[in-house]
Amino acid sequence: THRINYADKSITENTRVSYPLHYIDNALEPSIGSLP
């Protein structure tokens, strides 16, 4: 298949994904917040 096996550690445990911030539906844009 072409379905990702997220449990697969055969290459590394440090499996990663990069994606633009706007892929998160509740991302704040521009990504600037108030004082903590």
PDB file of all heavy atoms in Angstrom:
ATOM      1  N   THR A   1       0.841  -1.198   0.000  1.00  0.00           N
ATOM      2  CA  THR A   1       0.000   0.000   0.000  1.00  0.00           C
ATOM      3  C   THR A   1       0.881   1.255   0.000  1.00  0.00           C
ATOM      4  O   THR A   1       2.096   1.168   0.105  1.00  0.00           O
ATOM      5  CB  THR A   1      -0.920   0.068   1.239  1.00  0.00           C
ATOM      6  OG1 THR A   1      -0.131   0.460   2.380  1.00  0.00           O
ATOM      7  CG2 THR A   1      -1.581  -1.266   1.515  1.00  0.00           C
ATOM      8  N   HIS A   2       0.225   2.396  -0.096  1.00  0.00           N
ATOM      9  CA  HIS A   2       0.907   3.685   0.103  1.00  0.00           C
ATOM     10  C   HIS A   2       0.372   4.366   1.360  1.00  0.00           C
ATOM     11  O   HIS A   2       0.394   5.582   1.467  1.00  0.00           O
ATOM     12  CB  HIS A   2       0.729   4.573  -1.133  1.00  0.00           C
ATOM     13  CG  HIS A   2       1.597   4.151  -2.278  1.00  0.00           C
ATOM     14  ND1 HIS A   2       2.887   4.595  -2.427  1.00  0.00           N
ATOM     15  CD2 HIS A   2       1.376   3.275  -3.294  1.00  0.00           C
ATOM     16  CE1 HIS A   2       3.415   4.049  -3.503  1.00  0.00           C
ATOM     17  NE2 HIS A   2       2.529   3.232  -4.047  1.00  0.00           N
ATOM     18  N   ARG A   3      -0.091   3.549   2.305  1.00  0.00           N
ATOM     19  CA  ARG A   3      -0.565   4.058   3.589  1.00  0.00           C
ATOM     20  C   ARG A   3       0.596   4.018   4.576  1.00  0.00           C
ATOM     21  O   ARG A   3       1.220   2.981   4.771  1.00  0.00           O
ATOM     22  CB  ARG A   3      -1.738   3.217   4.101  1.00  0.00           C
ATOM     23  CG  ARG A   3      -2.361   3.748   5.389  1.00  0.00           C
ATOM     24  CD  ARG A   3      -3.780   3.200   5.571  1.00  0.00           C
ATOM     25  NE  ARG A   3      -3.795   1.768   5.736  1.00  0.00           N
ATOM     26  CZ  ARG A   3      -3.774   1.117   6.903  1.00  0.00           C
ATOM     27  NH1 ARG A   3      -3.746   1.809   8.034  1.00  0.00           N
ATOM     28  NH2 ARG A   3      -3.812  -0.199   6.955  1.00  0.00           N
ATOM     29  N   ILE A   4       0.879   5.166   5.191  1.00  0.00           N
ATOM     30  CA  ILE A   4       2.046   5.271   6.071  1.00  0.00           C
ATOM     31  C   ILE A   4       1.836   4.451   7.337  1.00  0.00           C
ATOM     32  O   ILE A   4       0.786   4.534   7.988  1.00  0.00           O
ATOM     33  CB  ILE A   4       2.316   6.746   6.435  1.00  0.00           C
ATOM     34  CG1 ILE A   4       2.649   7.555   5.172  1.00  0.00           C
ATOM     35  CG2 ILE A   4       3.457   6.860   7.433  1.00  0.00           C
ATOM     36  CD1 ILE A   4       2.743   9.053   5.408  1.00  0.00           C
ATOM     37  N   ASN A   5       2.858   3.684   7.699  1.00  0.00           N
ATOM     38  CA  ASN A   5       2.845   2.923   8.945  1.00  0.00           C
ATOM     39  C   ASN A   5       3.597   3.729   9.999  1.00  0.00           C
ATOM     40  O   ASN A   5       4.832   3.688  10.056  1.00  0.00           O
ATOM     41  CB  ASN A   5       3.502   1.559   8.727  1.00  0.00           C
ATOM     42  CG  ASN A   5       3.569   0.740  10.010  1.00  0.00           C
ATOM     43  OD1 ASN A   5       3.016   1.136  11.044  1.00  0.00           O
ATOM     44  ND2 ASN A   5       4.244  -0.390   9.958  1.00  0.00           N
ATOM     45  N   TYR A   6       2.872   4.462  10.808  1.00  0.00           N
ATOM     46  CA  TYR A   6       3.504   5.363  11.773  1.00  0.00           C
ATOM     47  C   TYR A   6       4.207   4.622  12.906  1.00  0.00           C
ATOM     48  O   TYR A   6       4.991   5.226  13.643  1.00  0.00           O
ATOM     49  CB  TYR A   6       2.467   6.340  12.334  1.00  0.00           C
ATOM     50  CG  TYR A   6       1.942   7.296  11.303  1.00  0.00           C
ATOM     51  CD1 TYR A   6       0.616   7.251  10.891  1.00  0.00           C
ATOM     52  CD2 TYR A   6       2.781   8.241  10.722  1.00  0.00           C
ATOM     53  CE1 TYR A   6       0.133   8.119   9.919  1.00  0.00           C
ATOM     54  CE2 TYR A   6       2.315   9.116   9.757  1.00  0.00           C
ATOM     55  CZ  TYR A   6       0.984   9.055   9.363  1.00  0.00           C
ATOM     56  OH  TYR A   6       0.529   9.912   8.407  1.00  0.00           O
ATOM     57  N   ALA A   7       3.950   3.317  13.037  1.00  0.00           N
ATOM     58  CA  ALA A   7       4.618   2.527  14.072  1.00  0.00           C
ATOM     59  C   ALA A   7       5.950   1.971  13.582  1.00  0.00           C
ATOM     60  O   ALA A   7       6.706   1.384  14.361  1.00  0.00           O
ATOM     61  CB  ALA A   7       3.711   1.391  14.533  1.00  0.00           C
ATOM     62  N   ASP A   8       6.258   2.162  12.308  1.00  0.00           N
ATOM     63  CA  ASP A   8       7.466   1.595  11.714  1.00  0.00           C
ATOM     64  C   ASP A   8       8.706   2.332  12.212  1.00  0.00           C
ATOM     65  O   ASP A   8       8.895   3.518  11.925  1.00  0.00           O
ATOM     66  CB  ASP A   8       7.359   1.680  10.190  1.00  0.00           C
ATOM     67  CG  ASP A   8       8.534   1.011   9.484  1.00  0.00           C
ATOM     68  OD1 ASP A   8       9.462   0.555  10.176  1.00  0.00           O
ATOM     69  OD2 ASP A   8       8.513   0.941   8.242  1.00  0.00           O
ATOM     70  N   LYS A   9       9.556   1.630  12.967  1.00  0.00           N
ATOM     71  CA  LYS A   9      10.789   2.201  13.489  1.00  0.00           C
ATOM     72  C   LYS A   9      12.016   1.602  12.800  1.00  0.00           C
ATOM     73  O   LYS A   9      13.135   1.736  13.293  1.00  0.00           O
ATOM     74  CB  LYS A   9      10.889   1.969  15.000  1.00  0.00           C
ATOM     75  CG  LYS A   9       9.703   2.504  15.800  1.00  0.00           C
ATOM     76  CD  LYS A   9       9.815   2.143  17.264  1.00  0.00           C
ATOM     77  CE  LYS A   9       8.570   2.602  18.035  1.00  0.00           C
ATOM     78  NZ  LYS A   9       8.626   2.203  19.459  1.00  0.00           N
ATOM     79  N   SER A  10      11.810   0.962  11.661  1.00  0.00           N
ATOM     80  CA  SER A  10      12.899   0.223  11.025  1.00  0.00           C
ATOM     81  C   SER A  10      14.021   1.138  10.553  1.00  0.00           C
ATOM     82  O   SER A  10      15.182   0.733  10.514  1.00  0.00           O
ATOM     83  CB  SER A  10      12.366  -0.602   9.854  1.00  0.00           C
ATOM     84  OG  SER A  10      11.744   0.236   8.886  1.00  0.00           O
ATOM     85  N   ILE A  11      13.707   2.391  10.196  1.00  0.00           N
ATOM     86  CA  ILE A  11      14.744   3.343   9.779  1.00  0.00           C
ATOM     87  C   ILE A  11      15.224   4.140  10.984  1.00  0.00           C
ATOM     88  O   ILE A  11      16.426   4.271  11.223  1.00  0.00           O
ATOM     89  CB  ILE A  11      14.216   4.291   8.681  1.00  0.00           C
ATOM     90  CG1 ILE A  11      13.793   3.486   7.451  1.00  0.00           C
ATOM     91  CG2 ILE A  11      15.259   5.327   8.304  1.00  0.00           C
ATOM     92  CD1 ILE A  11      13.114   4.323   6.373  1.00  0.00           C
ATOM     93  N   THR A  12      14.289   4.657  11.757  1.00  0.00           N
ATOM     94  CA  THR A  12      14.615   5.469  12.935  1.00  0.00           C
ATOM     95  C   THR A  12      13.369   5.670  13.778  1.00  0.00           C
ATOM     96  O   THR A  12      12.243   5.516  13.278  1.00  0.00           O
ATOM     97  CB  THR A  12      15.169   6.851  12.508  1.00  0.00           C
ATOM     98  OG1 THR A  12      15.448   7.622  13.681  1.00  0.00           O
ATOM     99  CG2 THR A  12      14.174   7.617  11.664  1.00  0.00           C
ATOM    100  N   GLU A  13      13.559   6.005  15.051  1.00  0.00           N
ATOM    101  CA  GLU A  13      12.423   6.437  15.872  1.00  0.00           C
ATOM    102  C   GLU A  13      12.122   7.906  15.639  1.00  0.00           C
ATOM    103  O   GLU A  13      11.051   8.397  15.976  1.00  0.00           O
ATOM    104  CB  GLU A  13      12.715   6.196  17.361  1.00  0.00           C
ATOM    105  CG  GLU A  13      12.638   4.730  17.761  1.00  0.00           C
ATOM    106  CD  GLU A  13      12.364   4.544  19.247  1.00  0.00           C
ATOM    107  OE1 GLU A  13      11.949   5.527  19.896  1.00  0.00           O
ATOM    108  OE2 GLU A  13      12.552   3.436  19.741  1.00  0.00           O
ATOM    109  N   ASN A  14      13.080   8.625  15.046  1.00  0.00           N
ATOM    110  CA  ASN A  14      12.935  10.068  14.822  1.00  0.00           C
ATOM    111  C   ASN A  14      12.261  10.331  13.470  1.00  0.00           C
ATOM    112  O   ASN A  14      12.772  11.077  12.643  1.00  0.00           O
ATOM    113  CB  ASN A  14      14.305  10.739  14.893  1.00  0.00           C
ATOM    114  CG  ASN A  14      14.209  12.258  14.845  1.00  0.00           C
ATOM    115  OD1 ASN A  14      13.307  12.854  15.433  1.00  0.00           O
ATOM    116  ND2 ASN A  14      15.139  12.893  14.140  1.00  0.00           N
ATOM    117  N   THR A  15      11.120   9.703  13.249  1.00  0.00           N
ATOM    118  CA  THR A  15      10.372   9.966  12.013  1.00  0.00           C
ATOM    119  C   THR A  15       9.697  11.326  12.136  1.00  0.00           C
ATOM    120  O   THR A  15       9.226  11.700  13.216  1.00  0.00           O
ATOM    121  CB  THR A  15       9.327   8.870  11.756  1.00  0.00           C
ATOM    122  OG1 THR A  15       8.496   8.732  12.923  1.00  0.00           O
ATOM    123  CG2 THR A  15      10.002   7.539  11.470  1.00  0.00           C
ATOM    124  N   ARG A  16       9.659  12.072  11.036  1.00  0.00           N
ATOM    125  CA  ARG A  16       9.219  13.470  11.089  1.00  0.00           C
ATOM    126  C   ARG A  16       8.335  13.828   9.903  1.00  0.00           C
ATOM    127  O   ARG A  16       8.377  13.191   8.863  1.00  0.00           O
ATOM    128  CB  ARG A  16      10.445  14.401  11.058  1.00  0.00           C
ATOM    129  CG  ARG A  16      11.366  14.286  12.256  1.00  0.00           C
ATOM    130  CD  ARG A  16      10.959  15.233  13.360  1.00  0.00           C
ATOM    131  NE  ARG A  16      11.829  15.161  14.521  1.00  0.00           N
ATOM    132  CZ  ARG A  16      11.727  15.983  15.546  1.00  0.00           C
ATOM    133  NH1 ARG A  16      10.824  16.948  15.548  1.00  0.00           N
ATOM    134  NH2 ARG A  16      12.521  15.857  16.588  1.00  0.00           N
ATOM    135  N   VAL A  17       7.569  14.912  10.090  1.00  0.00           N
ATOM    136  CA  VAL A  17       6.822  15.515   8.985  1.00  0.00           C
ATOM    137  C   VAL A  17       6.941  17.034   9.091  1.00  0.00           C
ATOM    138  O   VAL A  17       6.890  17.594  10.182  1.00  0.00           O
ATOM    139  CB  VAL A  17       5.335  15.102   8.987  1.00  0.00           C
ATOM    140  CG1 VAL A  17       4.625  15.538  10.288  1.00  0.00           C
ATOM    141  CG2 VAL A  17       4.605  15.686   7.783  1.00  0.00           C
ATOM    142  N   SER A  18       7.139  17.678   7.944  1.00  0.00           N
ATOM    143  CA  SER A  18       7.088  19.145   7.900  1.00  0.00           C
ATOM    144  C   SER A  18       5.886  19.554   7.059  1.00  0.00           C
ATOM    145  O   SER A  18       5.568  18.918   6.051  1.00  0.00           O
ATOM    146  CB  SER A  18       8.375  19.723   7.300  1.00  0.00           C
ATOM    147  OG  SER A  18       8.530  19.354   5.948  1.00  0.00           O
ATOM    148  N   TYR A  19       5.232  20.622   7.497  1.00  0.00           N
ATOM    149  CA  TYR A  19       4.079  21.147   6.768  1.00  0.00           C
ATOM    150  C   TYR A  19       3.904  22.618   7.145  1.00  0.00           C
ATOM    151  O   TYR A  19       4.331  23.053   8.215  1.00  0.00           O
ATOM    152  CB  TYR A  19       2.799  20.361   7.085  1.00  0.00           C
ATOM    153  CG  TYR A  19       2.529  20.149   8.555  1.00  0.00           C
ATOM    154  CD1 TYR A  19       1.896  21.133   9.330  1.00  0.00           C
ATOM    155  CD2 TYR A  19       2.915  18.971   9.193  1.00  0.00           C
ATOM    156  CE1 TYR A  19       1.654  20.946  10.675  1.00  0.00           C
ATOM    157  CE2 TYR A  19       2.673  18.771  10.542  1.00  0.00           C
ATOM    158  CZ  TYR A  19       2.054  19.751  11.275  1.00  0.00           C
ATOM    159  OH  TYR A  19       1.817  19.573  12.616  1.00  0.00           O
ATOM    160  N   PRO A  20       3.287  23.406   6.254  1.00  0.00           N
ATOM    161  CA  PRO A  20       3.068  24.825   6.562  1.00  0.00           C
ATOM    162  C   PRO A  20       2.133  24.985   7.754  1.00  0.00           C
ATOM    163  O   PRO A  20       1.252  24.149   7.995  1.00  0.00           O
ATOM    164  CB  PRO A  20       2.430  25.377   5.285  1.00  0.00           C
ATOM    165  CG  PRO A  20       2.712  24.373   4.226  1.00  0.00           C
ATOM    166  CD  PRO A  20       2.803  23.045   4.921  1.00  0.00           C
ATOM    167  N   LEU A  21       2.320  26.077   8.498  1.00  0.00           N
ATOM    168  CA  LEU A  21       1.518  26.317   9.698  1.00  0.00           C
ATOM    169  C   LEU A  21       0.025  26.362   9.385  1.00  0.00           C
ATOM    170  O   LEU A  21      -0.799  25.938  10.204  1.00  0.00           O
ATOM    171  CB  LEU A  21       1.959  27.629  10.355  1.00  0.00           C
ATOM    172  CG  LEU A  21       1.485  27.883  11.788  1.00  0.00           C
ATOM    173  CD1 LEU A  21       2.010  26.819  12.735  1.00  0.00           C
ATOM    174  CD2 LEU A  21       1.916  29.259  12.263  1.00  0.00           C
ATOM    175  N   HIS A  22      -0.344  26.843   8.196  1.00  0.00           N
ATOM    176  CA  HIS A  22      -1.769  26.956   7.883  1.00  0.00           C
ATOM    177  C   HIS A  22      -2.436  25.596   7.671  1.00  0.00           C
ATOM    178  O   HIS A  22      -3.656  25.528   7.516  1.00  0.00           O
ATOM    179  CB  HIS A  22      -2.013  27.879   6.679  1.00  0.00           C
ATOM    180  CG  HIS A  22      -1.397  27.388   5.401  1.00  0.00           C
ATOM    181  ND1 HIS A  22      -0.263  27.945   4.876  1.00  0.00           N
ATOM    182  CD2 HIS A  22      -1.762  26.406   4.547  1.00  0.00           C
ATOM    183  CE1 HIS A  22       0.036  27.331   3.748  1.00  0.00           C
ATOM    184  NE2 HIS A  22      -0.852  26.389   3.528  1.00  0.00           N
ATOM    185  N   TYR A  23      -1.662  24.510   7.674  1.00  0.00           N
ATOM    186  CA  TYR A  23      -2.275  23.177   7.641  1.00  0.00           C
ATOM    187  C   TYR A  23      -2.976  22.863   8.963  1.00  0.00           C
ATOM    188  O   TYR A  23      -3.793  21.953   9.033  1.00  0.00           O
ATOM    189  CB  TYR A  23      -1.220  22.112   7.358  1.00  0.00           C
ATOM    190  CG  TYR A  23      -0.928  21.894   5.887  1.00  0.00           C
ATOM    191  CD1 TYR A  23      -1.107  22.914   4.953  1.00  0.00           C
ATOM    192  CD2 TYR A  23      -0.459  20.669   5.424  1.00  0.00           C
ATOM    193  CE1 TYR A  23      -0.828  22.716   3.607  1.00  0.00           C
ATOM    194  CE2 TYR A  23      -0.172  20.461   4.076  1.00  0.00           C
ATOM    195  CZ  TYR A  23      -0.358  21.484   3.182  1.00  0.00           C
ATOM    196  OH  TYR A  23      -0.070  21.270   1.845  1.00  0.00           O
ATOM    197  N   ILE A  24      -2.628  23.586  10.025  1.00  0.00           N
ATOM    198  CA  ILE A  24      -3.327  23.463  11.301  1.00  0.00           C
ATOM    199  C   ILE A  24      -4.505  24.437  11.262  1.00  0.00           C
ATOM    200  O   ILE A  24      -4.317  25.643  11.107  1.00  0.00           O
ATOM    201  CB  ILE A  24      -2.395  23.809  12.489  1.00  0.00           C
ATOM    202  CG1 ILE A  24      -1.184  22.861  12.499  1.00  0.00           C
ATOM    203  CG2 ILE A  24      -3.144  23.751  13.813  1.00  0.00           C
ATOM    204  CD1 ILE A  24      -1.511  21.420  12.775  1.00  0.00           C
ATOM    205  N   ASP A  25      -5.721  23.914  11.399  1.00  0.00           N
ATOM    206  CA  ASP A  25      -6.911  24.742  11.125  1.00  0.00           C
ATOM    207  C   ASP A  25      -7.113  25.891  12.110  1.00  0.00           C
ATOM    208  O   ASP A  25      -7.774  26.871  11.785  1.00  0.00           O
ATOM    209  CB  ASP A  25      -8.179  23.875  11.047  1.00  0.00           C
ATOM    210  CG  ASP A  25      -8.400  23.027  12.295  1.00  0.00           C
ATOM    211  OD1 ASP A  25      -7.758  23.306  13.320  1.00  0.00           O
ATOM    212  OD2 ASP A  25      -9.213  22.084  12.234  1.00  0.00           O
ATOM    213  N   ASN A  26      -6.516  25.787  13.309  1.00  0.00           N
ATOM    214  CA  ASN A  26      -6.701  26.892  14.256  1.00  0.00           C
ATOM    215  C   ASN A  26      -5.397  27.658  14.490  1.00  0.00           C
ATOM    216  O   ASN A  26      -5.168  28.215  15.560  1.00  0.00           O
ATOM    217  CB  ASN A  26      -7.269  26.381  15.588  1.00  0.00           C
ATOM    218  CG  ASN A  26      -6.283  25.500  16.335  1.00  0.00           C
ATOM    219  OD1 ASN A  26      -5.422  24.888  15.733  1.00  0.00           O
ATOM    220  ND2 ASN A  26      -6.398  25.445  17.651  1.00  0.00           N
ATOM    221  N   ALA A  27      -4.548  27.683  13.459  1.00  0.00           N
ATOM    222  CA  ALA A  27      -3.294  28.435  13.573  1.00  0.00           C
ATOM    223  C   ALA A  27      -3.579  29.935  13.536  1.00  0.00           C
ATOM    224  O   ALA A  27      -4.449  30.404  12.796  1.00  0.00           O
ATOM    225  CB  ALA A  27      -2.349  28.055  12.443  1.00  0.00           C
ATOM    226  N   LEU A  28      -2.835  30.666  14.358  1.00  0.00           N
ATOM    227  CA  LEU A  28      -2.977  32.119  14.418  1.00  0.00           C
ATOM    228  C   LEU A  28      -2.108  32.746  13.324  1.00  0.00           C
ATOM    229  O   LEU A  28      -0.916  32.469  13.232  1.00  0.00           O
ATOM    230  CB  LEU A  28      -2.523  32.622  15.791  1.00  0.00           C
ATOM    231  CG  LEU A  28      -2.707  34.106  16.103  1.00  0.00           C
ATOM    232  CD1 LEU A  28      -4.193  34.464  16.180  1.00  0.00           C
ATOM    233  CD2 LEU A  28      -2.013  34.461  17.418  1.00  0.00           C
ATOM    234  N   GLU A  29      -2.717  33.568  12.475  1.00  0.00           N
ATOM    235  CA  GLU A  29      -1.963  34.241  11.415  1.00  0.00           C
ATOM    236  C   GLU A  29      -2.276  35.733  11.415  1.00  0.00           C
ATOM    237  O   GLU A  29      -3.445  36.100  11.408  1.00  0.00           O
ATOM    238  CB  GLU A  29      -2.292  33.619  10.061  1.00  0.00           C
ATOM    239  CG  GLU A  29      -1.768  32.181   9.917  1.00  0.00           C
ATOM    240  CD  GLU A  29      -1.788  31.696   8.478  1.00  0.00           C
ATOM    241  OE1 GLU A  29      -1.521  32.518   7.572  1.00  0.00           O
ATOM    242  OE2 GLU A  29      -2.078  30.512   8.276  1.00  0.00           O
ATOM    243  N   PRO A  30      -1.217  36.592  11.405  1.00  0.00           N
ATOM    244  CA  PRO A  30       0.183  36.214  11.570  1.00  0.00           C
ATOM    245  C   PRO A  30       0.434  35.616  12.951  1.00  0.00           C
ATOM    246  O   PRO A  30      -0.317  35.881  13.894  1.00  0.00           O
ATOM    247  CB  PRO A  30       0.927  37.534  11.377  1.00  0.00           C
ATOM    248  CG  PRO A  30      -0.054  38.581  11.773  1.00  0.00           C
ATOM    249  CD  PRO A  30      -1.388  38.064  11.350  1.00  0.00           C
ATOM    250  N   SER A  31       1.489  34.822  13.060  1.00  0.00           N
ATOM    251  CA  SER A  31       1.710  34.060  14.301  1.00  0.00           C
ATOM    252  C   SER A  31       2.448  34.913  15.340  1.00  0.00           C
ATOM    253  O   SER A  31       3.609  34.687  15.671  1.00  0.00           O
ATOM    254  CB  SER A  31       2.466  32.766  14.003  1.00  0.00           C
ATOM    255  OG  SER A  31       3.552  32.983  13.126  1.00  0.00           O
ATOM    256  N   ILE A  32       1.707  35.909  15.823  1.00  0.00           N
ATOM    257  CA  ILE A  32       2.210  36.837  16.842  1.00  0.00           C
ATOM    258  C   ILE A  32       1.172  36.899  17.970  1.00  0.00           C
ATOM    259  O   ILE A  32      -0.006  37.159  17.710  1.00  0.00           O
ATOM    260  CB  ILE A  32       2.427  38.251  16.268  1.00  0.00           C
ATOM    261  CG1 ILE A  32       3.374  38.205  15.058  1.00  0.00           C
ATOM    262  CG2 ILE A  32       2.973  39.192  17.336  1.00  0.00           C
ATOM    263  CD1 ILE A  32       3.494  39.530  14.329  1.00  0.00           C
ATOM    264  N   GLY A  33       1.603  36.636  19.197  1.00  0.00           N
ATOM    265  CA  GLY A  33       0.694  36.661  20.332  1.00  0.00           C
ATOM    266  C   GLY A  33       1.028  37.764  21.306  1.00  0.00           C
ATOM    267  O   GLY A  33       2.045  38.445  21.188  1.00  0.00           O
ATOM    268  N   SER A  34       0.172  37.913  22.286  1.00  0.00           N
ATOM    269  CA  SER A  34       0.381  38.915  23.338  1.00  0.00           C
ATOM    270  C   SER A  34       1.452  38.426  24.309  1.00  0.00           C
ATOM    271  O   SER A  34       2.007  37.339  24.160  1.00  0.00           O
ATOM    272  CB  SER A  34      -0.936  39.147  24.074  1.00  0.00           C
ATOM    273  OG  SER A  34      -1.386  37.912  24.641  1.00  0.00           O
ATOM    274  N   LEU A  35       1.736  39.244  25.330  1.00  0.00           N
ATOM    275  CA  LEU A  35       2.683  38.837  26.370  1.00  0.00           C
ATOM    276  C   LEU A  35       2.145  37.603  27.107  1.00  0.00           C
ATOM    277  O   LEU A  35       0.946  37.498  27.358  1.00  0.00           O
ATOM    278  CB  LEU A  35       2.901  39.979  27.360  1.00  0.00           C
ATOM    279  CG  LEU A  35       3.652  41.194  26.807  1.00  0.00           C
ATOM    280  CD1 LEU A  35       3.493  42.385  27.744  1.00  0.00           C
ATOM    281  CD2 LEU A  35       5.128  40.868  26.601  1.00  0.00           C
ATOM    282  N   PRO A  36       3.003  36.651  27.460  1.00  0.00           N
ATOM    283  CA  PRO A  36       2.531  35.430  28.131  1.00  0.00           C
ATOM    284  C   PRO A  36       1.910  35.707  29.496  1.00  0.00           C
ATOM    285  O   PRO A  36       2.404  36.553  30.251  1.00  0.00           O
ATOM    286  CB  PRO A  36       3.809  34.598  28.284  1.00  0.00           C
ATOM    287  CG  PRO A  36       4.778  35.164  27.313  1.00  0.00           C
ATOM    288  CD  PRO A  36       4.443  36.614  27.200  1.00  0.00           C
TER     289      PRO A  36
END
